[in-house]
C-alpha atoms as a PDB file:
ATOM      1  CA  MET A   1      -1.732  20.418   8.054  1.00  0.00           C
ATOM      2  CA  PRO A   2      -3.244  18.907   4.889  1.00  0.00           C
ATOM      3  CA  ARG A   3      -3.173  15.166   4.460  1.00  0.00           C
ATOM      4  CA  ILE A   4      -4.015  12.458   1.979  1.00  0.00           C
ATOM      5  CA  VAL A   5      -5.390   9.153   3.195  1.00  0.00           C
ATOM      6  CA  ILE A   6      -5.081   6.223   0.799  1.00  0.00           C
ATOM      7  CA  ASP A   7      -7.440   3.512   2.062  1.00  0.00           C
ATOM      8  CA  LEU A   8      -6.239   0.055   1.003  1.00  0.00           C
ATOM      9  CA  GLN A   9      -7.932  -1.818   3.859  1.00  0.00           C
ATOM     10  CA  GLU A  10     -10.334  -3.913   1.775  1.00  0.00           C
ATOM     11  CA  ASN A  11      -8.346  -3.779  -1.465  1.00  0.00           C
ATOM     12  CA  PRO A  12      -7.744  -7.139  -3.161  1.00  0.00           C
ATOM     13  CA  GLY A  13      -5.187  -5.664  -5.565  1.00  0.00           C
ATOM     14  CA  GLY A  14      -5.322  -5.212  -9.294  1.00  0.00           C
ATOM     15  CA  ASN A  15      -3.046  -3.107 -11.440  1.00  0.00           C
ATOM     16  CA  SER A  16       0.214  -2.100  -9.752  1.00  0.00           C
ATOM     17  CA  GLY A  17       0.521   0.811 -12.204  1.00  0.00           C
ATOM     18  CA  VAL A  18      -1.949   2.866 -10.151  1.00  0.00           C
ATOM     19  CA  ILE A  19       0.986   4.138  -8.123  1.00  0.00           C
ATOM     20  CA  PHE A  20       2.362   6.281 -10.959  1.00  0.00           C
ATOM     21  CA  PRO A  21      -0.326   9.002 -10.986  1.00  0.00           C
ATOM     22  CA  ILE A  22      -0.117   9.108  -7.184  1.00  0.00           C
ATOM     23  CA  LEU A  23       3.650   9.592  -7.297  1.00  0.00           C
ATOM     24  CA  GLN A  24       3.318  12.479  -9.758  1.00  0.00           C
ATOM     25  CA  HIS A  25       1.550  14.434  -7.038  1.00  0.00           C
ATOM     26  CA  ILE A  26       3.530  13.494  -3.911  1.00  0.00           C
ATOM     27  CA  ARG A  27       7.057  12.902  -5.177  1.00  0.00           C
ATOM     28  CA  THR A  28       9.250  15.964  -5.574  1.00  0.00           C
ATOM     29  CA  HIS A  29      11.870  14.555  -7.934  1.00  0.00           C
ATOM     30  CA  GLY A  30      13.958  11.723  -9.204  1.00  0.00           C
ATOM     31  CA  THR A  31      14.099   8.009  -8.703  1.00  0.00           C
ATOM     32  CA  LEU A  32      12.650   5.731  -6.097  1.00  0.00           C
ATOM     33  CA  THR A  33      12.905   2.056  -5.383  1.00  0.00           C
ATOM     34  CA  ALA A  34       9.771  -0.032  -5.857  1.00  0.00           C
ATOM     35  CA  PHE A  35       8.722  -3.465  -7.040  1.00  0.00           C
ATOM     36  CA  GLY A  36      12.306  -4.719  -6.927  1.00  0.00           C
ATOM     37  CA  GLY A  37      13.607  -2.035  -9.292  1.00  0.00           C
ATOM     38  CA  ARG A  38      14.055   1.685  -9.709  1.00  0.00           C
ATOM     39  CA  LEU A  39      11.348   3.997 -11.001  1.00  0.00           C
ATOM     40  CA  SER A  40      11.833   7.497 -12.334  1.00  0.00           C
ATOM     41  CA  THR A  41       9.094   9.984 -11.702  1.00  0.00           C
ATOM     42  CA  SER A  42       8.190  13.240 -13.383  1.00  0.00           C
ATOM     43  CA  PRO A  43       6.258  15.230 -10.803  1.00  0.00           C
ATOM     44  CA  ALA A  44       3.302  17.384 -11.750  1.00  0.00           C
ATOM     45  CA  SER A  45       4.838  20.327  -9.902  1.00  0.00           C
ATOM     46  CA  ALA A  46       1.791  22.574 -10.304  1.00  0.00           C
ATOM     47  CA  THR A  47      -0.235  20.128  -8.196  1.00  0.00           C
ATOM     48  CA  LEU A  48       2.466  18.745  -5.904  1.00  0.00           C
ATOM     49  CA  PHE A  49       1.041  17.773  -2.518  1.00  0.00           C
ATOM     50  CA  ARG A  50       3.242  18.751   0.422  1.00  0.00           C
ATOM     51  CA  GLY A  51       1.262  17.426   3.379  1.00  0.00           C
ATOM     52  CA  ARG A  52       1.224  14.108   5.185  1.00  0.00           C
ATOM     53  CA  VAL A  53       0.327  10.876   3.420  1.00  0.00           C
ATOM     54  CA  PHE A  54      -1.213   7.957   5.300  1.00  0.00           C
ATOM     55  CA  VAL A  55      -1.831   4.508   3.816  1.00  0.00           C
ATOM     56  CA  LEU A  56      -4.427   2.367   5.598  1.00  0.00           C
ATOM     57  CA  THR A  57      -3.906  -1.417   5.595  1.00  0.00           C
ATOM     58  CA  SER A  58      -5.671  -4.503   6.933  1.00  0.00           C
ATOM     59  CA  PRO A  59      -5.583  -8.293   6.598  1.00  0.00           C
ATOM     60  CA  SER A  60      -7.781  -7.727   3.498  1.00  0.00           C
ATOM     61  CA  THR A  61      -5.027  -5.750   1.735  1.00  0.00           C
ATOM     62  CA  PHE A  62      -3.530  -7.944  -1.002  1.00  0.00           C
ATOM     63  CA  SER A  63      -1.381  -8.016  -4.124  1.00  0.00           C
ATOM     64  CA  SER A  64      -0.869  -4.643  -5.840  1.00  0.00           C
ATOM     65  CA  ALA A  65      -2.384  -2.844  -2.861  1.00  0.00           C
ATOM     66  CA  VAL A  66       0.419  -4.255  -0.664  1.00  0.00           C
ATOM     67  CA  TRP A  67       3.052  -3.241  -3.216  1.00  0.00           C
ATOM     68  CA  VAL A  68       1.701   0.311  -3.430  1.00  0.00           C
ATOM     69  CA  ALA A  69       1.717   0.584   0.384  1.00  0.00           C
ATOM     70  CA  ASP A  70       5.247  -0.837   0.527  1.00  0.00           C
ATOM     71  CA  ALA A  71       6.571   1.492  -2.199  1.00  0.00           C
ATOM     72  CA  LEU A  72       5.152   4.583  -0.491  1.00  0.00           C
ATOM     73  CA  TYR A  73       6.377   3.496   2.956  1.00  0.00           C
ATOM     74  CA  ALA A  74       9.816   2.249   1.892  1.00  0.00           C
ATOM     75  CA  ASN A  75      10.575   5.496   0.069  1.00  0.00           C
ATOM     76  CA  GLY A  76       9.604   7.655   3.035  1.00  0.00           C
ATOM     77  CA  LEU A  77       6.546   9.075   1.279  1.00  0.00           C
ATOM     78  CA  ALA A  78       3.872   7.749   3.634  1.00  0.00           C
ATOM     79  CA  VAL A  79       3.090   6.280   7.017  1.00  0.00           C
ATOM     80  CA  THR A  80       1.166   3.007   7.117  1.00  0.00           C
ATOM     81  CA  VAL A  81      -1.683   2.707   9.628  1.00  0.00           C
ATOM     82  CA  GLY A  82      -3.815  -0.279  10.553  1.00  0.00           C
ATOM     83  CA  GLN A  83      -3.206  -3.991  10.723  1.00  0.00           C
ATOM     84  CA  PRO A  84      -0.709  -6.263   8.922  1.00  0.00           C
ATOM     85  CA  THR A  85      -1.554  -6.922   5.282  1.00  0.00           C
ATOM     86  CA  GLY A  86      -2.951 -10.227   4.043  1.00  0.00           C
ATOM     87  CA  LEU A  87       0.010 -10.838   1.742  1.00  0.00           C
ATOM     88  CA  ALA A  88       3.759 -10.584   2.064  1.00  0.00           C
ATOM     89  CA  PRO A  89       5.394  -7.526   0.487  1.00  0.00           C
ATOM     90  CA  SER A  90       7.433  -9.854  -1.752  1.00  0.00           C
ATOM     91  CA  ALA A  91       5.121 -12.175  -3.695  1.00  0.00           C
ATOM     92  CA  VAL A  92       3.944 -13.249  -7.126  1.00  0.00           C
ATOM     93  CA  GLY A  93       1.397 -11.200  -9.024  1.00  0.00           C
ATOM     94  CA  GLU A  94       0.313  -9.683 -12.354  1.00  0.00           C
ATOM     95  CA  ILE A  95      -2.081 -12.447 -13.286  1.00  0.00           C
ATOM     96  CA  ASP A  96      -2.887 -13.557 -16.808  1.00  0.00           C
ATOM     97  CA  PRO A  97      -5.999 -15.604 -17.581  1.00  0.00           C
ATOM     98  CA  PHE A  98      -5.871 -18.743 -19.700  1.00  0.00           C
ATOM     99  CA  VAL A  99      -8.328 -21.330 -21.034  1.00  0.00           C
ATOM    100  CA  THR A 100      -7.406 -24.981 -20.794  1.00  0.00           C
ATOM    101  CA  GLY A 101      -7.085 -26.797 -24.099  1.00  0.00           C
ATOM    102  CA  GLY A 102     -10.324 -28.252 -25.419  1.00  0.00           C
ATOM    103  CA  SER A 103     -12.522 -26.819 -22.665  1.00  0.00           C
ATOM    104  CA  THR A 104     -14.044 -23.616 -21.374  1.00  0.00           C
ATOM    105  CA  ILE A 105     -12.356 -23.785 -17.987  1.00  0.00           C
ATOM    106  CA  VAL A 106     -10.651 -20.480 -17.275  1.00  0.00           C
ATOM    107  CA  GLY A 107      -7.678 -20.245 -14.933  1.00  0.00           C
ATOM    108  CA  GLN A 108      -5.171 -17.616 -13.905  1.00  0.00           C
ATOM    109  CA  VAL A 109      -1.419 -17.692 -13.539  1.00  0.00           C
ATOM    110  CA  SER A 110       0.893 -15.192 -11.890  1.00  0.00           C
ATOM    111  CA  THR A 111       3.473 -13.943 -14.345  1.00  0.00           C
ATOM    112  CA  ARG A 112       5.767 -11.825 -12.209  1.00  0.00           C
ATOM    113  CA  TYR A 113       7.539 -11.973  -8.866  1.00  0.00           C
ATOM    114  CA  PHE A 114       7.572  -8.660  -7.032  1.00  0.00           C
ATOM    115  CA  HIS A 115      10.450  -8.277  -4.613  1.00  0.00           C
ATOM    116  CA  ALA A 116       9.664  -5.563  -2.083  1.00  0.00           C
ATOM    117  CA  THR A 117      12.268  -2.922  -1.478  1.00  0.00           C
ATOM    118  CA  GLY A 118      11.810  -1.862   2.130  1.00  0.00           C
ATOM    119  CA  LEU A 119      13.046  -3.212   5.406  1.00  0.00           C
ATOM    120  CA  GLN A 120      10.063  -5.588   5.448  1.00  0.00           C
ATOM    121  CA  ALA A 121      10.842  -7.213   2.076  1.00  0.00           C
ATOM    122  CA  SER A 122      11.118 -10.714   3.556  1.00  0.00           C
ATOM    123  CA  ALA A 123       8.306 -10.344   6.109  1.00  0.00           C
ATOM    124  CA  ALA A 124       5.165 -12.485   5.990  1.00  0.00           C
ATOM    125  CA  ALA A 125       3.074  -9.275   5.903  1.00  0.00           C
ATOM    126  CA  LEU A 126       3.629  -5.537   5.625  1.00  0.00           C
ATOM    127  CA  MET A 127       3.458  -4.361   9.219  1.00  0.00           C
ATOM    128  CA  PRO A 128       1.940  -0.919   9.782  1.00  0.00           C
ATOM    129  CA  THR A 129       4.058   1.944  11.094  1.00  0.00           C
ATOM    130  CA  ILE A 130       1.167   2.841  13.392  1.00  0.00           C
ATOM    131  CA  PRO A 131      -0.695  -0.283  14.534  1.00  0.00           C
ATOM    132  CA  ALA A 132      -4.449  -0.037  15.034  1.00  0.00           C
ATOM    133  CA  PRO A 133      -5.248  -3.542  16.272  1.00  0.00           C
ATOM    134  CA  LEU A 134      -8.754  -4.882  15.903  1.00  0.00           C
ATOM    135  CA  THR A 135     -10.417  -6.254  19.034  1.00  0.00           C
ATOM    136  CA  VAL A 136     -13.336  -8.655  19.360  1.00  0.00           C
ATOM    137  CA  GLN A 137     -15.389  -5.898  20.956  1.00  0.00           C
ATOM    138  CA  GLU A 138     -14.773  -3.594  17.976  1.00  0.00           C
ATOM    139  CA  VAL A 139     -15.785  -6.310  15.518  1.00  0.00           C
ATOM    140  CA  GLN A 140     -18.972  -6.947  17.481  1.00  0.00           C
ATOM    141  CA  ALA A 141     -19.727  -3.213  17.598  1.00  0.00           C
ATOM    142  CA  GLY A 142     -18.868  -2.645  13.927  1.00  0.00           C
ATOM    143  CA  ILE A 143     -16.046  -0.242  14.801  1.00  0.00           C
ATOM    144  CA  ASN A 144     -13.052   0.146  12.506  1.00  0.00           C
ATOM    145  CA  PRO A 145     -10.023   1.011  14.688  1.00  0.00           C
ATOM    146  CA  VAL A 146      -8.312   2.737  11.768  1.00  0.00           C
ATOM    147  CA  ALA A 147     -11.293   5.058  11.292  1.00  0.00           C
ATOM    148  CA  ARG A 148     -11.190   5.770  15.022  1.00  0.00           C
ATOM    149  CA  TRP A 149      -7.476   6.605  14.751  1.00  0.00           C
ATOM    150  CA  LEU A 150      -8.150   8.981  11.853  1.00  0.00           C
ATOM    151  CA  GLN A 151     -10.839  10.773  13.842  1.00  0.00           C
ATOM    152  CA  GLN A 152      -8.408  11.200  16.734  1.00  0.00           C
ATOM    153  CA  LEU A 153      -5.648  12.440  14.437  1.00  0.00           C
ATOM    154  CA  GLY A 154      -7.043  15.947  14.210  1.00  0.00           C
ATOM    155  CA  GLY A 155      -4.532  18.610  13.236  1.00  0.00           C
ATOM    156  CA  SER A 156      -1.437  16.852  14.516  1.00  0.00           C
ATOM    157  CA  GLY A 157      -0.094  13.395  14.156  1.00  0.00           C
ATOM    158  CA  PRO A 158       2.899  11.388  13.127  1.00  0.00           C
ATOM    159  CA  THR A 159       5.001  12.420  10.186  1.00  0.00           C
ATOM    160  CA  PRO A 160       6.404   9.923   7.697  1.00  0.00           C
ATOM    161  CA  SER A 161       9.317   8.088   9.241  1.00  0.00           C
ATOM    162  CA  GLY A 162      11.378   7.765   6.091  1.00  0.00           C
ATOM    163  CA  GLY A 163      10.769   4.030   5.926  1.00  0.00           C
ATOM    164  CA  GLN A 164      12.212   3.373   9.371  1.00  0.00           C
END
């Protein structure tokens, strides 16, 4: 069965709008809940993907990357695999830079609070559907347990749980 793997393991975040082109190719119709609101999607039906979608997460998954993983998981569009994220699903984001008055010191301020929509909205981290815990031995050997899981997946594997 075909699959898409979205690797957010070492993703510090960025623009939360990156989810929209993804949704045009994996969402069949209508409205979904994400980022504390409702989003309407217009699928690109000629290129609609009908296989499994896996989102890989780690403690180095932050900000918009967490929100993308949460939106896909909470709407039953993907299974999350890996370790808990480095940021809670509900958190501040969308940073704007500023320069302090009379100086060249540049700072950043978060301008929006994102309230996650899934069952894990109040959790300290987005917990993966399929845990792939990292051991000391794997770190020492340079082995990524999520990559190992993907190699073992082969032609069969879990299907999205519908956000359960």
